[in-house]
Amino acid sequence: MKTTMATLIALTAGLSVLQAQSVTAPASASRKPSTQRAKASPPLVVSTLDADHNGIIDAGEIANASQALKSLDKNADGRLSREELRRRRPTRPASTAVSARPMKKRTSAGASETDRR
C-alpha cells in the first residue's frame, strides 16, 4: 500500500512539473523549427495506375489498368510477384566533388591542448 501511494504521489508531482513547464515556456521559443519530412509515396500499384499523378484513379485510368499493371510485370510471366511490386531504392548519383578524407586519430581524454597538437 505504501509503495502504491508513493508511486501515485511521484506520478502526480512529475505531471505537475511537466504541466507547469509547458504553461510557462511558450511553444515557439522552446522548439526548434522542424524540417519538413517528405510525404510517403503511395504504393507502387497505385502510383502505376494513377497516370496523371493527381492522387485520384479516375475512370480512364481504371480502363487502362490492365495495360498499366503489365508494365510492372518485369519477367512477363503474367503474374506480379512481391519482388515486382516492391519499390526500388533510389540510387544516388556518384559525386566527384567529394573526396575521401583520411581519418584523424582520436586523442585521449586526459591530454592537454598542447599535447594534442
C-alpha atoms as a PDB file:
ATOM      1  CA  MET A   1       0.000   0.000   0.000  1.00  0.00           C
ATOM      2  CA  LYS A   2       2.856   2.376   0.844  1.00  0.00           C
ATOM      3  CA  THR A   3       4.504   1.631  -2.495  1.00  0.00           C
ATOM      4  CA  THR A   4       1.290   2.353  -4.378  1.00  0.00           C
ATOM      5  CA  MET A   5       0.792   5.652  -2.584  1.00  0.00           C
ATOM      6  CA  ALA A   6       4.421   6.666  -3.144  1.00  0.00           C
ATOM      7  CA  THR A   7       4.110   5.842  -6.854  1.00  0.00           C
ATOM      8  CA  LEU A   8       0.912   7.878  -7.203  1.00  0.00           C
ATOM      9  CA  ILE A   9       2.458  10.854  -5.424  1.00  0.00           C
ATOM     10  CA  ALA A  10       5.578  10.690  -7.622  1.00  0.00           C
ATOM     11  CA  LEU A  11       3.489  10.489 -10.795  1.00  0.00           C
ATOM     12  CA  THR A  12       1.317  13.409  -9.685  1.00  0.00           C
ATOM     13  CA  ALA A  13       4.359  15.527  -8.865  1.00  0.00           C
ATOM     14  CA  GLY A  14       6.016  14.667 -12.180  1.00  0.00           C
ATOM     15  CA  LEU A  15       2.922  15.515 -14.186  1.00  0.00           C
ATOM     16  CA  SER A  16       2.538  18.788 -12.304  1.00  0.00           C
ATOM     17  CA  VAL A  17       6.097  19.770 -13.171  1.00  0.00           C
ATOM     18  CA  LEU A  18       5.579  18.885 -16.833  1.00  0.00           C
ATOM     19  CA  GLN A  19       2.360  20.863 -16.980  1.00  0.00           C
ATOM     20  CA  ALA A  20       3.985  23.856 -15.304  1.00  0.00           C
ATOM     21  CA  GLN A  21       6.869  23.790 -17.799  1.00  0.00           C
ATOM     22  CA  SER A  22       4.501  23.679 -20.759  1.00  0.00           C
ATOM     23  CA  VAL A  23       2.458  26.601 -19.412  1.00  0.00           C
ATOM     24  CA  THR A  24       5.422  28.869 -18.590  1.00  0.00           C
ATOM     25  CA  ALA A  25       7.517  28.249 -21.719  1.00  0.00           C
ATOM     26  CA  PRO A  26       5.988  29.467 -24.975  1.00  0.00           C
ATOM     27  CA  ALA A  27       5.866  26.720 -27.564  1.00  0.00           C
ATOM     28  CA  SER A  28       7.512  28.766 -30.308  1.00  0.00           C
ATOM     29  CA  ALA A  29      10.501  29.744 -28.160  1.00  0.00           C
ATOM     30  CA  SER A  30      11.278  26.294 -26.791  1.00  0.00           C
ATOM     31  CA  ARG A  31      11.036  24.346 -30.032  1.00  0.00           C
ATOM     32  CA  LYS A  32      13.399  24.496 -32.923  1.00  0.00           C
ATOM     33  CA  PRO A  33      11.807  24.773 -36.335  1.00  0.00           C
ATOM     34  CA  SER A  34      11.378  21.266 -37.606  1.00  0.00           C
ATOM     35  CA  THR A  35      12.385  20.199 -41.041  1.00  0.00           C
ATOM     36  CA  GLN A  36       9.606  19.032 -43.279  1.00  0.00           C
ATOM     37  CA  ARG A  37       9.502  15.344 -43.907  1.00  0.00           C
ATOM     38  CA  ALA A  38       8.923  14.090 -47.378  1.00  0.00           C
ATOM     39  CA  LYS A  39       5.451  12.746 -47.927  1.00  0.00           C
ATOM     40  CA  ALA A  40       5.233   8.994 -48.058  1.00  0.00           C
ATOM     41  CA  SER A  41       4.911   7.829 -51.607  1.00  0.00           C
ATOM     42  CA  PRO A  42       1.834   5.796 -52.495  1.00  0.00           C
ATOM     43  CA  PRO A  43       2.157   2.054 -53.089  1.00  0.00           C
ATOM     44  CA  LEU A  44       3.707   1.129 -56.416  1.00  0.00           C
ATOM     45  CA  VAL A  45       0.449  -0.263 -57.813  1.00  0.00           C
ATOM     46  CA  VAL A  46      -1.450   2.925 -57.003  1.00  0.00           C
ATOM     47  CA  SER A  47       1.213   5.170 -58.485  1.00  0.00           C
ATOM     48  CA  THR A  48       1.299   2.971 -61.596  1.00  0.00           C
ATOM     49  CA  LEU A  49      -2.479   3.171 -62.055  1.00  0.00           C
ATOM     50  CA  ASP A  50      -2.581   6.928 -61.362  1.00  0.00           C
ATOM     51  CA  ALA A  51      -1.202   8.008 -64.751  1.00  0.00           C
ATOM     52  CA  ASP A  52      -1.674  11.763 -64.211  1.00  0.00           C
ATOM     53  CA  HIS A  53      -0.336  11.584 -60.597  1.00  0.00           C
ATOM     54  CA  ASN A  54      -3.169  13.628 -59.096  1.00  0.00           C
ATOM     55  CA  GLY A  55      -3.883  11.160 -56.292  1.00  0.00           C
ATOM     56  CA  ILE A  56      -7.183  10.015 -57.844  1.00  0.00           C
ATOM     57  CA  ILE A  57      -7.700   6.979 -60.029  1.00  0.00           C
ATOM     58  CA  ASP A  58     -10.438   8.042 -62.434  1.00  0.00           C
ATOM     59  CA  ALA A  59     -12.490   6.042 -64.951  1.00  0.00           C
ATOM     60  CA  GLY A  60      -9.956   6.478 -67.752  1.00  0.00           C
ATOM     61  CA  GLU A  61      -7.153   5.180 -65.556  1.00  0.00           C
ATOM     62  CA  ILE A  62      -9.311   2.230 -64.485  1.00  0.00           C
ATOM     63  CA  ALA A  63      -9.971   1.415 -68.144  1.00  0.00           C
ATOM     64  CA  ASN A  64      -6.195   1.359 -68.780  1.00  0.00           C
ATOM     65  CA  ALA A  65      -5.425  -0.549 -65.565  1.00  0.00           C
ATOM     66  CA  SER A  66      -4.518  -3.860 -67.207  1.00  0.00           C
ATOM     67  CA  GLN A  67      -2.021  -2.180 -69.536  1.00  0.00           C
ATOM     68  CA  ALA A  68      -0.525  -0.169 -66.660  1.00  0.00           C
ATOM     69  CA  LEU A  69      -0.190  -3.275 -64.473  1.00  0.00           C
ATOM     70  CA  LYS A  70       1.505  -5.182 -67.302  1.00  0.00           C
ATOM     71  CA  SER A  71       4.287  -2.599 -67.149  1.00  0.00           C
ATOM     72  CA  LEU A  72       5.105  -3.860 -63.641  1.00  0.00           C
ATOM     73  CA  ASP A  73       5.452  -7.488 -64.816  1.00  0.00           C
ATOM     74  CA  LYS A  74       9.224  -7.425 -65.413  1.00  0.00           C
ATOM     75  CA  ASN A  75       9.599 -11.109 -66.292  1.00  0.00           C
ATOM     76  CA  ALA A  76       6.426 -11.213 -68.461  1.00  0.00           C
ATOM     77  CA  ASP A  77       5.004 -14.291 -66.761  1.00  0.00           C
ATOM     78  CA  GLY A  78       1.526 -12.801 -66.354  1.00  0.00           C
ATOM     79  CA  ARG A  79       1.899 -12.561 -62.572  1.00  0.00           C
ATOM     80  CA  LEU A  80       3.032  -9.794 -60.248  1.00  0.00           C
ATOM     81  CA  SER A  81       5.356 -11.201 -57.602  1.00  0.00           C
ATOM     82  CA  ARG A  82       6.387  -9.457 -54.394  1.00  0.00           C
ATOM     83  CA  GLU A  83       9.703  -8.510 -55.935  1.00  0.00           C
ATOM     84  CA  GLU A  84       7.936  -6.878 -58.880  1.00  0.00           C
ATOM     85  CA  LEU A  85       5.592  -4.972 -56.564  1.00  0.00           C
ATOM     86  CA  ARG A  86       8.426  -3.725 -54.357  1.00  0.00           C
ATOM     87  CA  ARG A  87       9.703  -0.217 -54.991  1.00  0.00           C
ATOM     88  CA  ARG A  88      13.336   0.062 -55.888  1.00  0.00           C
ATOM     89  CA  ARG A  89      15.506   2.172 -53.633  1.00  0.00           C
ATOM     90  CA  PRO A  90      16.563   5.411 -55.262  1.00  0.00           C
ATOM     91  CA  THR A  91      20.187   5.377 -56.293  1.00  0.00           C
ATOM     92  CA  ARG A  92      22.469   8.268 -55.507  1.00  0.00           C
ATOM     93  CA  PRO A  93      24.409   9.757 -58.356  1.00  0.00           C
ATOM     94  CA  ALA A  94      28.141   9.345 -57.976  1.00  0.00           C
ATOM     95  CA  SER A  95      29.630  12.626 -56.846  1.00  0.00           C
ATOM     96  CA  THR A  96      33.104  13.541 -57.991  1.00  0.00           C
ATOM     97  CA  ALA A  97      33.229  16.714 -55.879  1.00  0.00           C
ATOM     98  CA  VAL A  98      33.509  14.858 -52.570  1.00  0.00           C
ATOM     99  CA  SER A  99      36.861  13.242 -51.996  1.00  0.00           C
ATOM    100  CA  ALA A 100      37.712  10.773 -49.295  1.00  0.00           C
ATOM    101  CA  ARG A 101      39.427  12.342 -46.302  1.00  0.00           C
ATOM    102  CA  PRO A 102      41.844  10.403 -44.151  1.00  0.00           C
ATOM    103  CA  MET A 103      40.546   9.667 -40.673  1.00  0.00           C
ATOM    104  CA  LYS A 104      42.135  11.547 -37.799  1.00  0.00           C
ATOM    105  CA  LYS A 105      43.351   9.693 -34.781  1.00  0.00           C
ATOM    106  CA  ARG A 106      41.474  10.472 -31.563  1.00  0.00           C
ATOM    107  CA  THR A 107      43.431  11.819 -28.674  1.00  0.00           C
ATOM    108  CA  SER A 108      42.996  10.613 -25.145  1.00  0.00           C
ATOM    109  CA  ALA A 109      40.523  12.448 -22.914  1.00  0.00           C
ATOM    110  CA  GLY A 110      43.198  13.459 -20.381  1.00  0.00           C
ATOM    111  CA  ALA A 111      45.606  15.010 -22.893  1.00  0.00           C
ATOM    112  CA  SER A 112      46.109  18.762 -22.649  1.00  0.00           C
ATOM    113  CA  GLU A 113      45.630  21.153 -25.576  1.00  0.00           C
ATOM    114  CA  THR A 114      49.372  21.393 -26.187  1.00  0.00           C
ATOM    115  CA  ASP A 115      49.707  17.585 -26.192  1.00  0.00           C
ATOM    116  CA  ARG A 116      47.022  17.287 -28.842  1.00  0.00           C
ATOM    117  CA  ARG A 117      48.930  19.478 -31.301  1.00  0.00           C
END
